[in-house]
Amino acid sequence: MKTIDLSKVGVKNIEGITEIIDISKGLANAIYKTAGDIEEHNFSLKLYENPEVELTDRNREIIMSRVKQFYAVYIQQGVENLMNYEDSKE
């Protein structure tokens, strides 16, 4: 199964230089606080402990819904690029 590491999200700063940022703990907290079901709750706990997560369809959905809700566009793009990079490795 494909995995992504949410402690290594590449984002472009205002100068166009790519920086690596860690969104894993913040994202885990956002998911935890807004979990709509046990699956999301459990995913948030796992993400908090380990920033490397399986990229299932459901996990992708959980991640992107919260990233779009709580993070700026440049971080959203970084997460989407990370997911798309993993998809292209298939």
PDB file of N, CA and C in Angstrom:
ATOM      1  N   MET A   1       0.839  -1.179   0.000  1.00  0.00           N
ATOM      2  CA  MET A   1       0.000   0.000   0.000  1.00  0.00           C
ATOM      3  C   MET A   1       0.882   1.240   0.000  1.00  0.00           C
ATOM      4  N   LYS A   2       0.466   2.246  -0.739  1.00  0.00           N
ATOM      5  CA  LYS A   2       1.183   3.515  -0.791  1.00  0.00           C
ATOM      6  C   LYS A   2       1.062   4.235   0.545  1.00  0.00           C
ATOM      7  N   THR A   3       2.110   4.962   0.900  1.00  0.00           N
ATOM      8  CA  THR A   3       2.079   5.782   2.103  1.00  0.00           C
ATOM      9  C   THR A   3       2.570   7.180   1.764  1.00  0.00           C
ATOM     10  N   ILE A   4       2.178   8.127   2.598  1.00  0.00           N
ATOM     11  CA  ILE A   4       2.716   9.482   2.510  1.00  0.00           C
ATOM     12  C   ILE A   4       3.178   9.883   3.898  1.00  0.00           C
ATOM     13  N   ASP A   5       4.141  10.782   3.933  1.00  0.00           N
ATOM     14  CA  ASP A   5       4.682  11.277   5.195  1.00  0.00           C
ATOM     15  C   ASP A   5       4.273  12.737   5.340  1.00  0.00           C
ATOM     16  N   LEU A   6       3.319  12.991   6.216  1.00  0.00           N
ATOM     17  CA  LEU A   6       2.792  14.343   6.387  1.00  0.00           C
ATOM     18  C   LEU A   6       3.692  15.236   7.231  1.00  0.00           C
ATOM     19  N   SER A   7       4.856  14.725   7.601  1.00  0.00           N
ATOM     20  CA  SER A   7       5.850  15.584   8.242  1.00  0.00           C
ATOM     21  C   SER A   7       6.823  16.128   7.195  1.00  0.00           C
ATOM     22  N   LYS A   8       6.597  15.761   5.939  1.00  0.00           N
ATOM     23  CA  LYS A   8       7.486  16.180   4.854  1.00  0.00           C
ATOM     24  C   LYS A   8       6.690  16.701   3.666  1.00  0.00           C
ATOM     25  N   VAL A   9       5.908  17.739   3.903  1.00  0.00           N
ATOM     26  CA  VAL A   9       5.099  18.338   2.848  1.00  0.00           C
ATOM     27  C   VAL A   9       5.907  19.479   2.223  1.00  0.00           C
ATOM     28  N   GLY A  10       6.137  19.389   0.928  1.00  0.00           N
ATOM     29  CA  GLY A  10       6.865  20.437   0.226  1.00  0.00           C
ATOM     30  C   GLY A  10       5.924  21.562  -0.178  1.00  0.00           C
ATOM     31  N   VAL A  11       6.233  22.771   0.268  1.00  0.00           N
ATOM     32  CA  VAL A  11       5.427  23.939  -0.080  1.00  0.00           C
ATOM     33  C   VAL A  11       6.347  25.019  -0.629  1.00  0.00           C
ATOM     34  N   LYS A  12       5.827  25.811  -1.553  1.00  0.00           N
ATOM     35  CA  LYS A  12       6.610  26.906  -2.115  1.00  0.00           C
ATOM     36  C   LYS A  12       6.348  28.169  -1.310  1.00  0.00           C
ATOM     37  N   ASN A  13       7.438  28.834  -0.910  1.00  0.00           N
ATOM     38  CA  ASN A  13       7.278  30.090  -0.194  1.00  0.00           C
ATOM     39  C   ASN A  13       7.043  31.213  -1.203  1.00  0.00           C
ATOM     40  N   ILE A  14       6.938  32.418  -0.723  1.00  0.00           N
ATOM     41  CA  ILE A  14       6.601  33.546  -1.583  1.00  0.00           C
ATOM     42  C   ILE A  14       7.660  33.802  -2.647  1.00  0.00           C
ATOM     43  N   GLU A  15       8.879  33.356  -2.401  1.00  0.00           N
ATOM     44  CA  GLU A  15       9.960  33.515  -3.371  1.00  0.00           C
ATOM     45  C   GLU A  15      10.019  32.367  -4.374  1.00  0.00           C
ATOM     46  N   GLY A  16       9.120  31.412  -4.221  1.00  0.00           N
ATOM     47  CA  GLY A  16       9.078  30.266  -5.130  1.00  0.00           C
ATOM     48  C   GLY A  16      10.024  29.151  -4.751  1.00  0.00           C
ATOM     49  N   ILE A  17      10.605  29.241  -3.568  1.00  0.00           N
ATOM     50  CA  ILE A  17      11.531  28.214  -3.088  1.00  0.00           C
ATOM     51  C   ILE A  17      10.736  27.183  -2.294  1.00  0.00           C
ATOM     52  N   THR A  18      10.980  25.905  -2.585  1.00  0.00           N
ATOM     53  CA  THR A  18      10.276  24.835  -1.887  1.00  0.00           C
ATOM     54  C   THR A  18      10.880  24.604  -0.514  1.00  0.00           C
ATOM     55  N   GLU A  19      10.021  24.598   0.481  1.00  0.00           N
ATOM     56  CA  GLU A  19      10.402  24.303   1.856  1.00  0.00           C
ATOM     57  C   GLU A  19       9.635  23.061   2.297  1.00  0.00           C
ATOM     58  N   ILE A  20      10.207  22.308   3.202  1.00  0.00           N
ATOM     59  CA  ILE A  20       9.545  21.123   3.755  1.00  0.00           C
ATOM     60  C   ILE A  20       8.970  21.504   5.116  1.00  0.00           C
ATOM     61  N   ILE A  21       7.668  21.252   5.292  1.00  0.00           N
ATOM     62  CA  ILE A  21       7.021  21.546   6.569  1.00  0.00           C
ATOM     63  C   ILE A  21       6.335  20.293   7.109  1.00  0.00           C
ATOM     64  N   ASP A  22       6.126  20.296   8.405  1.00  0.00           N
ATOM     65  CA  ASP A  22       5.463  19.186   9.101  1.00  0.00           C
ATOM     66  C   ASP A  22       4.065  19.640   9.506  1.00  0.00           C
ATOM     67  N   ILE A  23       3.046  19.045   8.899  1.00  0.00           N
ATOM     68  CA  ILE A  23       1.671  19.376   9.272  1.00  0.00           C
ATOM     69  C   ILE A  23       1.004  18.240  10.030  1.00  0.00           C
ATOM     70  N   SER A  24       1.740  17.185  10.326  1.00  0.00           N
ATOM     71  CA  SER A  24       1.135  15.965  10.858  1.00  0.00           C
ATOM     72  C   SER A  24       0.400  16.182  12.183  1.00  0.00           C
ATOM     73  N   LYS A  25       1.029  16.804  13.157  1.00  0.00           N
ATOM     74  CA  LYS A  25       0.396  16.967  14.471  1.00  0.00           C
ATOM     75  C   LYS A  25      -0.788  17.942  14.404  1.00  0.00           C
ATOM     76  N   GLY A  26      -0.599  19.048  13.693  1.00  0.00           N
ATOM     77  CA  GLY A  26      -1.689  20.011  13.550  1.00  0.00           C
ATOM     78  C   GLY A  26      -2.879  19.422  12.826  1.00  0.00           C
ATOM     79  N   LEU A  27      -2.603  18.662  11.770  1.00  0.00           N
ATOM     80  CA  LEU A  27      -3.683  18.021  11.018  1.00  0.00           C
ATOM     81  C   LEU A  27      -4.364  16.954  11.864  1.00  0.00           C
ATOM     82  N   ALA A  28      -3.579  16.185  12.609  1.00  0.00           N
ATOM     83  CA  ALA A  28      -4.161  15.168  13.494  1.00  0.00           C
ATOM     84  C   ALA A  28      -5.107  15.817  14.504  1.00  0.00           C
ATOM     85  N   ASN A  29      -4.702  16.939  15.078  1.00  0.00           N
ATOM     86  CA  ASN A  29      -5.566  17.652  16.028  1.00  0.00           C
ATOM     87  C   ASN A  29      -6.827  18.179  15.356  1.00  0.00           C
ATOM     88  N   ALA A  30      -6.698  18.703  14.142  1.00  0.00           N
ATOM     89  CA  ALA A  30      -7.873  19.208  13.420  1.00  0.00           C
ATOM     90  C   ALA A  30      -8.863  18.083  13.140  1.00  0.00           C
ATOM     91  N   ILE A  31      -8.358  16.932  12.739  1.00  0.00           N
ATOM     92  CA  ILE A  31      -9.230  15.780  12.470  1.00  0.00           C
ATOM     93  C   ILE A  31      -9.872  15.305  13.764  1.00  0.00           C
ATOM     94  N   TYR A  32      -9.076  15.221  14.819  1.00  0.00           N
ATOM     95  CA  TYR A  32      -9.565  14.759  16.123  1.00  0.00           C
ATOM     96  C   TYR A  32     -10.718  15.637  16.615  1.00  0.00           C
ATOM     97  N   LYS A  33     -10.550  16.949  16.498  1.00  0.00           N
ATOM     98  CA  LYS A  33     -11.555  17.889  17.013  1.00  0.00           C
ATOM     99  C   LYS A  33     -12.820  17.938  16.177  1.00  0.00           C
ATOM    100  N   THR A  34     -12.743  17.480  14.929  1.00  0.00           N
ATOM    101  CA  THR A  34     -13.917  17.558  14.051  1.00  0.00           C
ATOM    102  C   THR A  34     -14.369  16.183  13.551  1.00  0.00           C
ATOM    103  N   ALA A  35     -13.857  15.125  14.168  1.00  0.00           N
ATOM    104  CA  ALA A  35     -14.179  13.772  13.709  1.00  0.00           C
ATOM    105  C   ALA A  35     -15.682  13.542  13.710  1.00  0.00           C
ATOM    106  N   GLY A  36     -16.162  13.040  12.584  1.00  0.00           N
ATOM    107  CA  GLY A  36     -17.583  12.758  12.454  1.00  0.00           C
ATOM    108  C   GLY A  36     -17.934  11.309  12.714  1.00  0.00           C
ATOM    109  N   ASP A  37     -16.907  10.461  12.814  1.00  0.00           N
ATOM    110  CA  ASP A  37     -17.145   9.054  13.084  1.00  0.00           C
ATOM    111  C   ASP A  37     -15.897   8.438  13.712  1.00  0.00           C
ATOM    112  N   ILE A  38     -16.021   7.191  14.119  1.00  0.00           N
ATOM    113  CA  ILE A  38     -14.926   6.507  14.805  1.00  0.00           C
ATOM    114  C   ILE A  38     -13.730   6.325  13.873  1.00  0.00           C
ATOM    115  N   GLU A  39     -13.978   6.105  12.609  1.00  0.00           N
ATOM    116  CA  GLU A  39     -12.886   5.919  11.649  1.00  0.00           C
ATOM    117  C   GLU A  39     -11.998   7.168  11.584  1.00  0.00           C
ATOM    118  N   GLU A  40     -12.606   8.342  11.534  1.00  0.00           N
ATOM    119  CA  GLU A  40     -11.835   9.587  11.524  1.00  0.00           C
ATOM    120  C   GLU A  40     -11.107   9.778  12.853  1.00  0.00           C
ATOM    121  N   HIS A  41     -11.777   9.473  13.945  1.00  0.00           N
ATOM    122  CA  HIS A  41     -11.168   9.584  15.271  1.00  0.00           C
ATOM    123  C   HIS A  41      -9.924   8.694  15.352  1.00  0.00           C
ATOM    124  N   ASN A  42     -10.052   7.439  14.957  1.00  0.00           N
ATOM    125  CA  ASN A  42      -8.930   6.504  15.002  1.00  0.00           C
ATOM    126  C   ASN A  42      -7.797   6.941  14.073  1.00  0.00           C
ATOM    127  N   PHE A  43      -8.148   7.448  12.901  1.00  0.00           N
ATOM    128  CA  PHE A  43      -7.135   7.931  11.971  1.00  0.00           C
ATOM    129  C   PHE A  43      -6.350   9.089  12.590  1.00  0.00           C
ATOM    130  N   SER A  44      -7.031   9.985  13.278  1.00  0.00           N
ATOM    131  CA  SER A  44      -6.342  11.127  13.891  1.00  0.00           C
ATOM    132  C   SER A  44      -5.346  10.669  14.951  1.00  0.00           C
ATOM    133  N   LEU A  45      -5.707   9.669  15.723  1.00  0.00           N
ATOM    134  CA  LEU A  45      -4.805   9.154  16.757  1.00  0.00           C
ATOM    135  C   LEU A  45      -3.567   8.508  16.127  1.00  0.00           C
ATOM    136  N   LYS A  46      -3.779   7.743  15.061  1.00  0.00           N
ATOM    137  CA  LYS A  46      -2.652   7.114  14.372  1.00  0.00           C
ATOM    138  C   LYS A  46      -1.733   8.165  13.750  1.00  0.00           C
ATOM    139  N   LEU A  47      -2.322   9.178  13.129  1.00  0.00           N
ATOM    140  CA  LEU A  47      -1.535  10.236  12.505  1.00  0.00           C
ATOM    141  C   LEU A  47      -0.740  11.009  13.542  1.00  0.00           C
ATOM    142  N   TYR A  48      -1.315  11.231  14.699  1.00  0.00           N
ATOM    143  CA  TYR A  48      -0.606  11.959  15.749  1.00  0.00           C
ATOM    144  C   TYR A  48       0.642  11.207  16.190  1.00  0.00           C
ATOM    145  N   GLU A  49       0.552   9.901  16.238  1.00  0.00           N
ATOM    146  CA  GLU A  49       1.678   9.071  16.668  1.00  0.00           C
ATOM    147  C   GLU A  49       2.705   8.836  15.563  1.00  0.00           C
ATOM    148  N   ASN A  50       2.239   8.802  14.304  1.00  0.00           N
ATOM    149  CA  ASN A  50       3.131   8.476  13.190  1.00  0.00           C
ATOM    150  C   ASN A  50       2.706   9.289  11.969  1.00  0.00           C
ATOM    151  N   PRO A  51       3.566  10.185  11.471  1.00  0.00           N
ATOM    152  CA  PRO A  51       3.181  11.031  10.342  1.00  0.00           C
ATOM    153  C   PRO A  51       3.107  10.295   9.003  1.00  0.00           C
ATOM    154  N   GLU A  52       3.573   9.053   8.968  1.00  0.00           N
ATOM    155  CA  GLU A  52       3.510   8.270   7.740  1.00  0.00           C
ATOM    156  C   GLU A  52       2.233   7.440   7.755  1.00  0.00           C
ATOM    157  N   VAL A  53       1.335   7.708   6.809  1.00  0.00           N
ATOM    158  CA  VAL A  53       0.028   7.048   6.788  1.00  0.00           C
ATOM    159  C   VAL A  53      -0.223   6.397   5.436  1.00  0.00           C
ATOM    160  N   GLU A  54      -1.035   5.352   5.468  1.00  0.00           N
ATOM    161  CA  GLU A  54      -1.449   4.699   4.227  1.00  0.00           C
ATOM    162  C   GLU A  54      -2.341   5.639   3.437  1.00  0.00           C
ATOM    163  N   LEU A  55      -2.158   5.636   2.139  1.00  0.00           N
ATOM    164  CA  LEU A  55      -2.929   6.527   1.273  1.00  0.00           C
ATOM    165  C   LEU A  55      -4.096   5.775   0.637  1.00  0.00           C
ATOM    166  N   THR A  56      -5.035   5.365   1.503  1.00  0.00           N
ATOM    167  CA  THR A  56      -6.260   4.729   1.015  1.00  0.00           C
ATOM    168  C   THR A  56      -7.193   5.817   0.508  1.00  0.00           C
ATOM    169  N   ASP A  57      -8.227   5.428  -0.203  1.00  0.00           N
ATOM    170  CA  ASP A  57      -9.203   6.413  -0.670  1.00  0.00           C
ATOM    171  C   ASP A  57      -9.837   7.150   0.505  1.00  0.00           C
ATOM    172  N   ARG A  58     -10.170   6.422   1.557  1.00  0.00           N
ATOM    173  CA  ARG A  58     -10.813   7.039   2.724  1.00  0.00           C
ATOM    174  C   ARG A  58      -9.858   7.981   3.442  1.00  0.00           C
ATOM    175  N   ASN A  59      -8.597   7.564   3.628  1.00  0.00           N
ATOM    176  CA  ASN A  59      -7.633   8.441   4.289  1.00  0.00           C
ATOM    177  C   ASN A  59      -7.376   9.694   3.461  1.00  0.00           C
ATOM    178  N   ARG A  60      -7.317   9.530   2.144  1.00  0.00           N
ATOM    179  CA  ARG A  60      -7.154  10.682   1.251  1.00  0.00           C
ATOM    180  C   ARG A  60      -8.311  11.669   1.450  1.00  0.00           C
ATOM    181  N   GLU A  61      -9.507  11.139   1.534  1.00  0.00           N
ATOM    182  CA  GLU A  61     -10.706  11.967   1.723  1.00  0.00           C
ATOM    183  C   GLU A  61     -10.648  12.715   3.058  1.00  0.00           C
ATOM    184  N   ILE A  62     -10.279  12.025   4.116  1.00  0.00           N
ATOM    185  CA  ILE A  62     -10.186  12.643   5.447  1.00  0.00           C
ATOM    186  C   ILE A  62      -9.129  13.744   5.438  1.00  0.00           C
ATOM    187  N   ILE A  63      -7.966  13.432   4.899  1.00  0.00           N
ATOM    188  CA  ILE A  63      -6.868  14.400   4.874  1.00  0.00           C
ATOM    189  C   ILE A  63      -7.267  15.645   4.093  1.00  0.00           C
ATOM    190  N   MET A  64      -7.735  15.461   2.877  1.00  0.00           N
ATOM    191  CA  MET A  64      -8.018  16.621   2.027  1.00  0.00           C
ATOM    192  C   MET A  64      -9.188  17.449   2.540  1.00  0.00           C
ATOM    193  N   SER A  65     -10.175  16.815   3.162  1.00  0.00           N
ATOM    194  CA  SER A  65     -11.302  17.612   3.677  1.00  0.00           C
ATOM    195  C   SER A  65     -10.831  18.563   4.769  1.00  0.00           C
ATOM    196  N   ARG A  66      -9.944  18.100   5.654  1.00  0.00           N
ATOM    197  CA  ARG A  66      -9.450  18.957   6.738  1.00  0.00           C
ATOM    198  C   ARG A  66      -8.396  19.946   6.254  1.00  0.00           C
ATOM    199  N   VAL A  67      -7.562  19.513   5.322  1.00  0.00           N
ATOM    200  CA  VAL A  67      -6.557  20.429   4.782  1.00  0.00           C
ATOM    201  C   VAL A  67      -7.258  21.600   4.092  1.00  0.00           C
ATOM    202  N   LYS A  68      -8.298  21.313   3.328  1.00  0.00           N
ATOM    203  CA  LYS A  68      -9.042  22.386   2.656  1.00  0.00           C
ATOM    204  C   LYS A  68      -9.787  23.269   3.644  1.00  0.00           C
ATOM    205  N   GLN A  69     -10.200  22.697   4.758  1.00  0.00           N
ATOM    206  CA  GLN A  69     -10.951  23.448   5.762  1.00  0.00           C
ATOM    207  C   GLN A  69     -10.044  24.328   6.631  1.00  0.00           C
ATOM    208  N   PHE A  70      -8.859  23.850   6.979  1.00  0.00           N
ATOM    209  CA  PHE A  70      -8.044  24.514   7.989  1.00  0.00           C
ATOM    210  C   PHE A  70      -6.719  25.096   7.506  1.00  0.00           C
ATOM    211  N   TYR A  71      -6.299  24.824   6.283  1.00  0.00           N
ATOM    212  CA  TYR A  71      -4.971  25.249   5.840  1.00  0.00           C
ATOM    213  C   TYR A  71      -5.042  26.173   4.630  1.00  0.00           C
ATOM    214  N   ALA A  72      -4.020  27.004   4.504  1.00  0.00           N
ATOM    215  CA  ALA A  72      -3.907  27.933   3.383  1.00  0.00           C
ATOM    216  C   ALA A  72      -3.698  27.179   2.074  1.00  0.00           C
ATOM    217  N   VAL A  73      -3.974  27.861   0.977  1.00  0.00           N
ATOM    218  CA  VAL A  73      -3.915  27.248  -0.348  1.00  0.00           C
ATOM    219  C   VAL A  73      -2.534  26.677  -0.653  1.00  0.00           C
ATOM    220  N   TYR A  74      -1.469  27.378  -0.268  1.00  0.00           N
ATOM    221  CA  TYR A  74      -0.137  26.872  -0.599  1.00  0.00           C
ATOM    222  C   TYR A  74       0.148  25.538   0.100  1.00  0.00           C
ATOM    223  N   ILE A  75      -0.421  25.320   1.277  1.00  0.00           N
ATOM    224  CA  ILE A  75      -0.266  24.036   1.965  1.00  0.00           C
ATOM    225  C   ILE A  75      -1.162  22.989   1.315  1.00  0.00           C
ATOM    226  N   GLN A  76      -2.367  23.380   0.927  1.00  0.00           N
ATOM    227  CA  GLN A  76      -3.247  22.461   0.203  1.00  0.00           C
ATOM    228  C   GLN A  76      -2.557  21.940  -1.048  1.00  0.00           C
ATOM    229  N   GLN A  77      -1.902  22.835  -1.783  1.00  0.00           N
ATOM    230  CA  GLN A  77      -1.198  22.428  -2.999  1.00  0.00           C
ATOM    231  C   GLN A  77      -0.051  21.473  -2.681  1.00  0.00           C
ATOM    232  N   GLY A  78       0.657  21.731  -1.591  1.00  0.00           N
ATOM    233  CA  GLY A  78       1.746  20.849  -1.195  1.00  0.00           C
ATOM    234  C   GLY A  78       1.261  19.444  -0.872  1.00  0.00           C
ATOM    235  N   VAL A  79       0.142  19.351  -0.160  1.00  0.00           N
ATOM    236  CA  VAL A  79      -0.414  18.041   0.183  1.00  0.00           C
ATOM    237  C   VAL A  79      -0.913  17.334  -1.077  1.00  0.00           C
ATOM    238  N   GLU A  80      -1.596  18.064  -1.949  1.00  0.00           N
ATOM    239  CA  GLU A  80      -2.056  17.468  -3.202  1.00  0.00           C
ATOM    240  C   GLU A  80      -0.875  16.975  -4.038  1.00  0.00           C
ATOM    241  N   ASN A  81       0.196  17.761  -4.100  1.00  0.00           N
ATOM    242  CA  ASN A  81       1.390  17.340  -4.847  1.00  0.00           C
ATOM    243  C   ASN A  81       1.997  16.080  -4.244  1.00  0.00           C
ATOM    244  N   LEU A  82       2.043  16.007  -2.920  1.00  0.00           N
ATOM    245  CA  LEU A  82       2.573  14.827  -2.247  1.00  0.00           C
ATOM    246  C   LEU A  82       1.743  13.589  -2.591  1.00  0.00           C
ATOM    247  N   MET A  83       0.435  13.727  -2.567  1.00  0.00           N
ATOM    248  CA  MET A  83      -0.438  12.594  -2.903  1.00  0.00           C
ATOM    249  C   MET A  83      -0.291  12.214  -4.377  1.00  0.00           C
ATOM    250  N   ASN A  84      -0.241  13.210  -5.245  1.00  0.00           N
ATOM    251  CA  ASN A  84      -0.111  12.929  -6.673  1.00  0.00           C
ATOM    252  C   ASN A  84       1.231  12.302  -6.999  1.00  0.00           C
ATOM    253  N   TYR A  85       2.282  12.703  -6.288  1.00  0.00           N
ATOM    254  CA  TYR A  85       3.596  12.101  -6.484  1.00  0.00           C
ATOM    255  C   TYR A  85       3.546  10.612  -6.150  1.00  0.00           C
ATOM    256  N   GLU A  86       2.905  10.278  -5.034  1.00  0.00           N
ATOM    257  CA  GLU A  86       2.782   8.871  -4.659  1.00  0.00           C
ATOM    258  C   GLU A  86       1.950   8.102  -5.670  1.00  0.00           C
ATOM    259  N   ASP A  87       0.894   8.753  -6.211  1.00  0.00           N
ATOM    260  CA  ASP A  87       0.071   8.102  -7.234  1.00  0.00           C
ATOM    261  C   ASP A  87       0.899   7.807  -8.486  1.00  0.00           C
ATOM    262  N   SER A  88       1.787   8.720  -8.845  1.00  0.00           N
ATOM    263  CA  SER A  88       2.564   8.545 -10.077  1.00  0.00           C
ATOM    264  C   SER A  88       3.626   7.456  -9.946  1.00  0.00           C
ATOM    265  N   LYS A  89       3.933   7.039  -8.734  1.00  0.00           N
ATOM    266  CA  LYS A  89       4.938   5.997  -8.522  1.00  0.00           C
ATOM    267  C   LYS A  89       4.375   4.601  -8.765  1.00  0.00           C
ATOM    268  N   GLU A  90       3.083   4.487  -8.989  1.00  0.00           N
ATOM    269  CA  GLU A  90       2.460   3.166  -9.215  1.00  0.00           C
ATOM    270  C   GLU A  90       2.932   2.550 -10.492  1.00  0.00           C
TER     271      GLU A  90
END
